[in-house]
Protein backbone atom coordinates (compact mmCIF):
# COMPACT_ATOMS: atom_id res chain seq x y z
CA MET A 1 -0.08 0.03 -0.05
CA SER A 2 1.72 3.47 -0.89
CA GLU A 3 2.06 5.84 2.13
CA LYS A 4 1.87 8.98 -0.42
CA ARG A 5 -2.03 9.21 0.54
CA LYS A 6 -4.52 12.40 1.03
CA ILE A 7 -6.05 11.87 3.99
CA VAL A 8 -8.89 15.06 4.94
CA ILE A 9 -10.29 15.16 8.35
CA ILE A 10 -13.50 16.92 9.28
CA GLY A 11 -13.43 18.15 12.86
CA GLY A 12 -10.82 18.30 15.26
CA VAL A 13 -10.77 18.53 18.87
CA ALA A 14 -10.22 15.11 20.43
CA GLY A 15 -11.14 12.47 17.50
CA GLY A 16 -10.28 14.48 14.65
CA ALA A 17 -6.39 15.83 16.06
CA SER A 18 -5.81 12.33 17.57
CA ALA A 19 -6.68 10.69 13.81
CA ALA A 20 -4.26 13.65 12.47
CA MET A 21 -1.17 12.80 14.51
CA ARG A 22 -1.30 8.99 14.64
CA ALA A 23 -1.56 9.34 10.64
CA ARG A 24 1.45 11.52 10.92
CA ARG A 25 3.38 8.81 12.91
CA LEU A 26 2.52 6.11 10.59
CA SER A 27 3.39 7.86 7.19
CA GLU A 28 5.57 10.83 6.92
CA THR A 29 4.44 11.54 3.54
CA ALA A 30 1.27 11.63 3.94
CA SER A 31 -0.28 14.52 2.68
CA ILE A 32 -3.39 15.25 5.80
CA VAL A 33 -5.65 18.04 6.28
CA ILE A 34 -8.14 18.94 9.07
CA VAL A 35 -11.10 21.01 8.05
CA GLU A 36 -12.34 22.78 11.39
CA LYS A 37 -15.46 24.67 11.40
CA GLY A 38 -14.64 26.77 14.33
CA PRO A 39 -11.25 29.12 15.27
CA TYR A 40 -9.64 26.04 17.56
CA VAL A 41 -8.39 22.92 16.42
CA SER A 42 -8.12 21.12 19.85
CA PHE A 43 -8.84 22.19 22.98
CA ALA A 44 -9.64 20.67 26.49
CA ASN A 45 -13.35 21.11 26.58
CA CYS A 46 -13.78 19.17 29.80
CA GLY A 47 -11.81 22.03 31.14
CA LEU A 48 -13.69 24.71 30.26
CA PRO A 49 -15.92 25.08 33.17
CA TYR A 50 -12.69 25.11 35.08
CA HIS A 51 -11.41 28.20 33.51
CA LEU A 52 -14.90 29.86 33.98
CA GLY A 53 -14.49 29.00 37.76
CA GLY A 54 -10.79 30.20 37.65
CA VAL A 55 -9.66 26.92 38.97
CA ILE A 56 -7.85 26.63 35.38
CA GLN A 57 -6.28 30.14 35.46
CA GLU A 58 -4.64 30.47 32.16
CA ARG A 59 -6.90 30.34 29.07
CA ASP A 60 -3.96 29.00 26.97
CA ALA A 61 -3.59 25.77 28.86
CA LEU A 62 -6.79 25.07 27.29
CA LEU A 63 -5.41 24.69 23.48
CA VAL A 64 -3.73 21.06 23.20
CA GLN A 65 -2.71 22.11 19.79
CA THR A 66 -2.98 24.86 17.51
CA PRO A 67 -2.67 25.18 13.41
CA GLN A 68 0.79 26.33 13.93
CA SER A 69 1.90 23.80 16.23
CA LEU A 70 0.39 21.08 14.02
CA LYS A 71 2.05 22.49 10.88
CA GLU A 72 5.52 23.09 12.68
CA ARG A 73 5.55 19.58 14.72
CA PHE A 74 3.80 17.55 12.57
CA ASN A 75 3.49 18.80 9.30
CA ILE A 76 -0.08 18.72 9.09
CA ASP A 77 -2.50 21.14 7.35
CA VAL A 78 -5.30 22.74 9.03
CA LEU A 79 -8.24 24.89 7.94
CA VAL A 80 -10.07 26.78 10.69
CA ASN A 81 -13.09 28.78 10.33
CA ALA A 82 -13.94 26.20 7.37
CA GLU A 83 -16.92 24.28 6.80
CA ALA A 84 -17.10 20.80 4.89
CA ILE A 85 -20.42 21.51 3.06
CA ALA A 86 -20.74 18.24 0.69
CA ILE A 87 -19.10 15.21 -0.16
CA ASP A 88 -18.95 13.39 -3.40
CA ARG A 89 -17.94 9.98 -2.63
CA ASN A 90 -17.83 8.71 -5.91
CA ALA A 91 -15.28 11.24 -6.80
CA ARG A 92 -13.37 11.07 -3.43
CA THR A 93 -13.81 15.04 -2.97
CA VAL A 94 -14.94 17.41 -0.26
CA LEU A 95 -16.04 20.54 -0.79
CA VAL A 96 -15.25 23.35 1.72
CA ARG A 97 -16.14 26.96 2.48
CA ASN A 98 -14.39 29.17 4.46
CA LEU A 99 -16.54 30.69 6.32
CA ILE A 100 -14.89 34.45 7.03
CA THR A 101 -14.50 34.87 3.03
CA GLY A 102 -17.14 32.85 1.73
CA ALA A 103 -14.72 31.21 -0.66
CA ASP A 104 -15.39 27.54 -1.67
CA ASP A 105 -12.53 24.89 -2.28
CA THR A 106 -12.49 21.24 -3.09
CA LEU A 107 -10.07 18.72 -1.33
CA THR A 108 -9.62 15.38 -2.84
CA TYR A 109 -9.05 12.28 -0.47
CA ASP A 110 -7.87 9.03 -0.65
CA ALA A 111 -9.48 8.21 2.75
CA LEU A 112 -11.94 10.35 4.57
CA ILE A 113 -12.38 10.45 8.41
CA LEU A 114 -15.36 12.47 9.74
CA ALA A 115 -15.18 13.93 13.41
CA PRO A 116 -18.27 16.40 13.31
CA GLY A 117 -18.23 15.87 16.61
CA ALA A 118 -21.94 16.65 18.86
CA GLU A 119 -23.48 20.07 19.34
CA ALA A 120 -25.36 21.16 22.38
CA VAL A 121 -29.26 20.56 22.60
CA ARG A 122 -31.39 23.49 22.24
CA PRO A 123 -34.74 22.83 22.73
CA PRO A 124 -37.45 24.90 21.04
CA LEU A 125 -38.51 27.01 23.90
CA PRO A 126 -39.40 31.00 23.95
CA GLY A 127 -36.26 33.27 24.90
CA LEU A 128 -33.64 30.64 24.74
CA ASP A 129 -32.43 33.18 21.96
CA LEU A 130 -32.13 35.94 24.42
CA PRO A 131 -28.24 37.43 24.48
CA ASN A 132 -27.60 36.27 28.13
CA VAL A 133 -28.58 32.86 27.59
CA PHE A 134 -25.42 30.05 26.54
CA THR A 135 -24.43 26.82 26.12
CA LEU A 136 -21.04 25.97 27.23
CA GLN A 137 -19.35 23.37 24.49
CA THR A 138 -16.52 25.42 23.01
CA MET A 139 -14.00 27.94 23.82
CA SER A 140 -16.31 30.99 22.19
CA ASP A 141 -19.03 29.80 24.28
CA MET A 142 -16.74 30.07 27.49
CA ASP A 143 -15.12 33.15 26.59
CA GLY A 144 -19.27 34.66 25.71
CA ILE A 145 -20.17 33.56 29.49
CA ILE A 146 -16.87 35.29 31.00
CA ALA A 147 -17.22 38.69 29.26
CA HIS A 148 -20.68 38.62 29.96
CA VAL A 149 -20.21 38.00 33.80
CA ARG A 150 -17.58 40.49 33.88
CA GLY A 151 -19.30 43.18 31.86
CA THR A 152 -22.31 43.08 33.76
CA ARG A 153 -21.63 42.17 37.24
CA VAL A 154 -24.16 38.72 37.23
CA LYS A 155 -24.91 38.10 40.83
CA ARG A 156 -27.57 35.04 39.77
CA ALA A 157 -27.01 32.30 37.48
CA ALA A 158 -29.36 29.52 36.62
CA VAL A 159 -28.03 26.10 34.74
CA ILE A 160 -30.70 24.10 33.26
CA GLY A 161 -29.55 20.55 33.44
CA GLY A 162 -27.91 18.36 35.92
CA GLY A 163 -25.51 16.35 33.90
CA PHE A 164 -21.74 16.80 34.07
CA ILE A 165 -21.31 19.99 32.09
CA GLY A 166 -24.41 21.88 34.25
CA VAL A 167 -23.13 20.45 37.68
CA GLU A 168 -19.26 21.41 37.18
CA ALA A 169 -20.46 24.87 35.71
CA ALA A 170 -22.86 25.28 38.52
CA GLU A 171 -20.30 24.84 40.80
CA ASN A 172 -17.11 27.17 38.99
CA LEU A 173 -19.95 29.88 38.93
CA ALA A 174 -20.78 29.75 42.46
CA GLY A 175 -16.85 29.51 43.20
CA ARG A 176 -17.17 33.14 41.58
CA GLY A 177 -19.70 34.33 44.06
CA ILE A 178 -22.33 33.87 42.04
CA ALA A 179 -25.61 32.57 43.61
CA VAL A 180 -26.85 29.64 41.33
CA SER A 181 -29.78 27.89 40.56
CA LEU A 182 -29.49 24.23 39.07
CA ILE A 183 -32.69 23.14 37.15
CA GLU A 184 -33.14 19.46 36.49
CA ALA A 185 -36.51 17.85 34.62
CA ASP A 186 -35.11 14.18 36.04
CA ARG A 187 -35.48 13.72 40.10
CA GLN A 188 -31.54 13.56 40.19
CA VAL A 189 -28.59 15.08 39.07
CA LEU A 190 -26.18 12.95 36.78
CA PRO A 191 -28.50 10.36 35.19
CA PRO A 192 -25.11 7.60 34.69
CA LEU A 193 -25.42 7.18 38.59
CA ASP A 194 -27.95 5.41 40.34
CA PRO A 195 -30.62 7.34 42.39
CA GLU A 196 -29.29 6.09 45.62
CA MET A 197 -25.68 7.49 44.68
CA ALA A 198 -27.14 10.67 43.42
CA SER A 199 -28.94 11.39 46.88
CA PRO A 200 -25.88 12.63 48.63
CA LEU A 201 -24.93 15.07 45.95
CA HIS A 202 -28.10 16.76 46.16
CA ALA A 203 -27.36 16.99 49.83
CA HIS A 204 -24.04 18.49 49.08
CA LEU A 205 -24.87 20.75 46.52
CA ARG A 206 -27.69 22.42 48.57
CA GLU A 207 -24.95 22.47 51.65
CA ASN A 208 -23.00 24.34 49.21
CA GLY A 209 -25.43 26.98 48.47
CA ILE A 210 -26.63 25.81 45.10
CA ASP A 211 -30.72 26.11 44.77
CA LEU A 212 -31.61 22.78 43.35
CA ARG A 213 -34.75 22.47 41.48
CA LEU A 214 -35.40 18.84 40.89
CA GLY A 215 -38.19 17.23 38.77
CA ALA A 216 -38.16 20.90 37.39
CA LYS A 217 -38.81 21.38 33.04
CA ALA A 218 -37.98 24.88 32.00
CA SER A 219 -40.82 25.51 29.87
CA ALA A 220 -39.56 29.20 28.92
CA CYS A 221 -37.44 31.91 29.12
CA ALA A 222 -38.39 35.88 29.12
CA ALA A 223 -36.37 39.29 29.65
CA ASP A 224 -37.04 40.54 33.06
CA GLY A 225 -35.37 43.97 33.07
CA ASP A 226 -31.52 43.39 32.50
CA GLY A 227 -32.05 39.53 33.48
CA ILE A 228 -34.21 36.63 32.80
CA ALA A 229 -37.13 35.03 34.22
CA ILE A 230 -37.53 31.34 33.78
CA THR A 231 -40.89 29.70 34.16
CA LEU A 232 -41.11 25.75 35.38
CA ASP A 233 -43.39 23.82 34.75
CA GLY A 234 -45.72 23.31 36.93
CA GLY A 235 -45.68 26.68 38.44
CA GLY A 236 -42.44 28.73 39.61
CA ILE A 237 -39.80 31.20 38.04
CA VAL A 238 -36.09 31.56 38.53
CA SER A 239 -34.69 34.86 38.04
CA ALA A 240 -30.83 35.35 36.87
CA ASP A 241 -28.45 37.52 34.94
CA LEU A 242 -27.63 35.00 32.91
CA VAL A 243 -28.37 31.06 31.60
CA ILE A 244 -26.64 28.30 30.86
CA LEU A 245 -28.31 25.81 28.87
CA ALA A 246 -26.63 22.26 29.69
CA ILE A 247 -29.30 19.71 28.65
CA GLY A 248 -27.10 17.39 26.74
CA VAL A 249 -25.87 16.84 23.31
CA ARG A 250 -26.74 15.37 20.04
CA PRO A 251 -24.42 13.92 17.29
CA ARG A 252 -23.24 16.49 14.27
CA THR A 253 -24.44 14.00 11.40
CA ASP A 254 -26.08 16.46 8.52
CA LEU A 255 -23.02 15.96 6.22
CA ALA A 256 -22.49 12.13 6.66
CA LYS A 257 -26.89 12.19 5.83
CA ARG A 258 -26.36 14.49 2.92
CA ALA A 259 -23.45 11.98 1.70
CA GLY A 260 -25.57 9.14 1.73
CA LEU A 261 -24.03 7.27 4.54
CA GLU A 262 -25.99 5.01 7.29
CA ILE A 263 -27.24 6.27 10.18
CA GLY A 264 -27.31 4.06 13.41
CA GLU A 265 -30.57 3.51 15.51
CA THR A 266 -29.58 5.95 18.15
CA GLY A 267 -28.96 8.31 15.71
CA ALA A 268 -25.23 8.69 15.43
CA ILE A 269 -23.05 7.80 12.21
CA LYS A 270 -23.03 4.01 11.99
CA VAL A 271 -19.73 2.28 12.12
CA ASP A 272 -18.01 -1.30 12.39
CA ASP A 273 -14.81 -2.01 14.91
CA ALA A 274 -12.53 -0.47 12.38
CA MET A 275 -14.75 2.66 12.55
CA ARG A 276 -15.44 2.60 8.55
CA THR A 277 -18.94 3.64 7.86
CA SER A 278 -21.00 2.36 4.77
CA ASP A 279 -18.27 3.82 2.56
CA SER A 280 -14.92 1.89 2.79
CA ALA A 281 -13.52 4.90 1.68
CA ILE A 282 -14.67 6.90 4.67
CA TYR A 283 -14.28 6.63 8.68
CA ALA A 284 -16.24 8.38 11.78
CA VAL A 285 -14.88 8.66 15.41
CA GLY A 286 -16.11 10.39 18.17
CA ASP A 287 -18.72 12.15 19.43
CA ALA A 288 -21.00 11.68 15.90
CA VAL A 289 -20.73 8.12 16.09
CA GLU A 290 -22.59 4.89 17.42
CA VAL A 291 -20.79 2.55 19.71
CA THR A 292 -21.49 -0.76 20.98
CA ASN A 293 -21.79 -0.97 24.86
CA PRO A 294 -19.97 -4.03 25.81
CA VAL A 295 -22.10 -4.80 29.38
CA THR A 296 -25.41 -4.82 26.64
CA GLY A 297 -24.58 -5.69 23.63
CA LEU A 298 -26.50 -2.85 22.27
CA PRO A 299 -26.03 0.37 20.24
CA ALA A 300 -25.35 3.28 22.31
CA PHE A 301 -24.22 6.94 21.94
CA ILE A 302 -22.34 8.08 24.59
CA PRO A 303 -20.07 11.26 24.18
CA LEU A 304 -17.03 11.45 26.06
CA ALA A 305 -13.21 12.43 24.86
CA GLY A 306 -11.31 9.41 25.69
CA PRO A 307 -13.21 6.97 23.38
CA ALA A 308 -13.00 9.64 20.46
CA ASN A 309 -9.12 9.63 20.95
CA ARG A 310 -8.90 6.14 20.67
CA GLN A 311 -11.21 5.77 17.83
CA GLY A 312 -8.85 8.59 15.92
CA ARG A 313 -5.96 6.17 16.33
CA ILE A 314 -7.96 3.68 15.49
CA ALA A 315 -9.12 4.71 12.21
CA ALA A 316 -5.61 5.91 10.81
CA ASP A 317 -4.13 2.08 11.87
CA GLN A 318 -6.65 0.98 9.72
CA ILE A 319 -5.94 3.41 6.87
CA PHE A 320 -2.13 2.20 7.16
CA GLY A 321 -3.05 -1.32 7.08
CA ARG A 322 -2.73 -1.69 10.60
CA ASP A 323 -5.66 -4.53 11.90
CA SER A 324 -6.45 -2.13 15.19
CA ARG A 325 -10.62 -2.79 16.36
CA TYR A 326 -12.59 -0.43 18.39
CA ARG A 327 -13.98 -2.77 21.62
CA GLY A 328 -16.78 -0.82 22.31
CA THR A 329 -17.44 2.36 24.94
CA ILE A 330 -18.38 1.16 28.46
CA GLY A 331 -19.36 5.05 29.29
CA THR A 332 -16.94 5.49 32.08
CA SER A 333 -16.88 9.12 33.93
CA ILE A 334 -16.29 10.79 36.86
CA CYS A 335 -17.33 14.68 38.09
CA LYS A 336 -15.88 16.36 40.84
CA VAL A 337 -19.09 18.23 42.74
CA PHE A 338 -17.11 20.56 45.00
CA SER A 339 -15.52 18.48 47.53
CA LEU A 340 -17.06 14.90 46.48
CA ALA A 341 -16.20 13.27 43.71
CA ALA A 342 -18.84 10.92 41.78
CA GLY A 343 -17.86 8.24 39.25
CA ALA A 344 -19.99 5.72 37.06
CA THR A 345 -18.69 2.80 34.73
CA GLY A 346 -20.75 -0.06 32.95
CA ALA A 347 -24.47 -0.16 32.90
CA SER A 348 -26.93 1.60 35.39
CA GLU A 349 -29.85 0.24 36.94
CA LYS A 350 -32.38 2.18 35.16
CA LEU A 351 -30.83 1.34 31.89
CA LEU A 352 -30.55 -2.81 32.96
CA ARG A 353 -34.55 -2.41 33.99
CA ARG A 354 -35.25 -0.04 30.41
CA ILE A 355 -33.78 -3.09 28.27
CA GLY A 356 -35.41 -5.90 30.61
């Protein structure tokens, strides 16, 4: 197999950047191009709440790689602020649009790796387009929140969603001296935990000043002077100067769907254990792909950075003839909750009951 291959990778961060660097280690001669829609190619998204709270003091500490470092160290070309618009599978080309200039370019590939990641869920609720409603998924999201906190003297914040990002955001906002309400539609925070494991976390959050609203679903946001009034189903209003949506994420599959690639039953891109899609020249890795849960044997959508890194390396191995295989995602996770830590792995009681 010739190593003088053209590899195009759509998306950076964890899976895409790992694939690119592994591919370079396996071939000094391959042409490797990363196409990244945002301005940052590789950053520690798990660290975003901790820079928000000042635990990670230097913003640059979140930047794992830059376009310059990837070019200088690995001879990997990076196109930032560039969106892959369409894939021509027959011609093996990708149409790429520069989001700054609007100019289009066409990249040819021998192997294509899709690593578009996942996007924050924004439900169709009134008021979520208000300027002081944010998500926390990208560097730009984090910058916007910090600028808002500094510019408007935020005293009250509301976090909608009690998953990992929601709990970490609530803790770090509280660490800045902001009064925080944490609104969760379920009866518990951190859904991967069994309810009896979450119970002491609820008490601990309240002990640390968090206004915890469980079983409370936000139905609308409305401007209230300079702040926001959040209406809850069943009655009740939470007032805030800042709202962070942390309801969850969904896989980015639009490009794959337009290319006619197979989508799995979870709504994510279907791949085999070689990370290959339904097109043998196209691989997919990271938060956009469907995995197998080895405990249940069932398809699952488990967006985590560790599996994304592993999948990226496997895709690169496969492109260069190494028979690496992905053995599934168990879903190991851990979250700091003030002075406690909550970890989980494997199948929860809720999942096991749901699948019988």
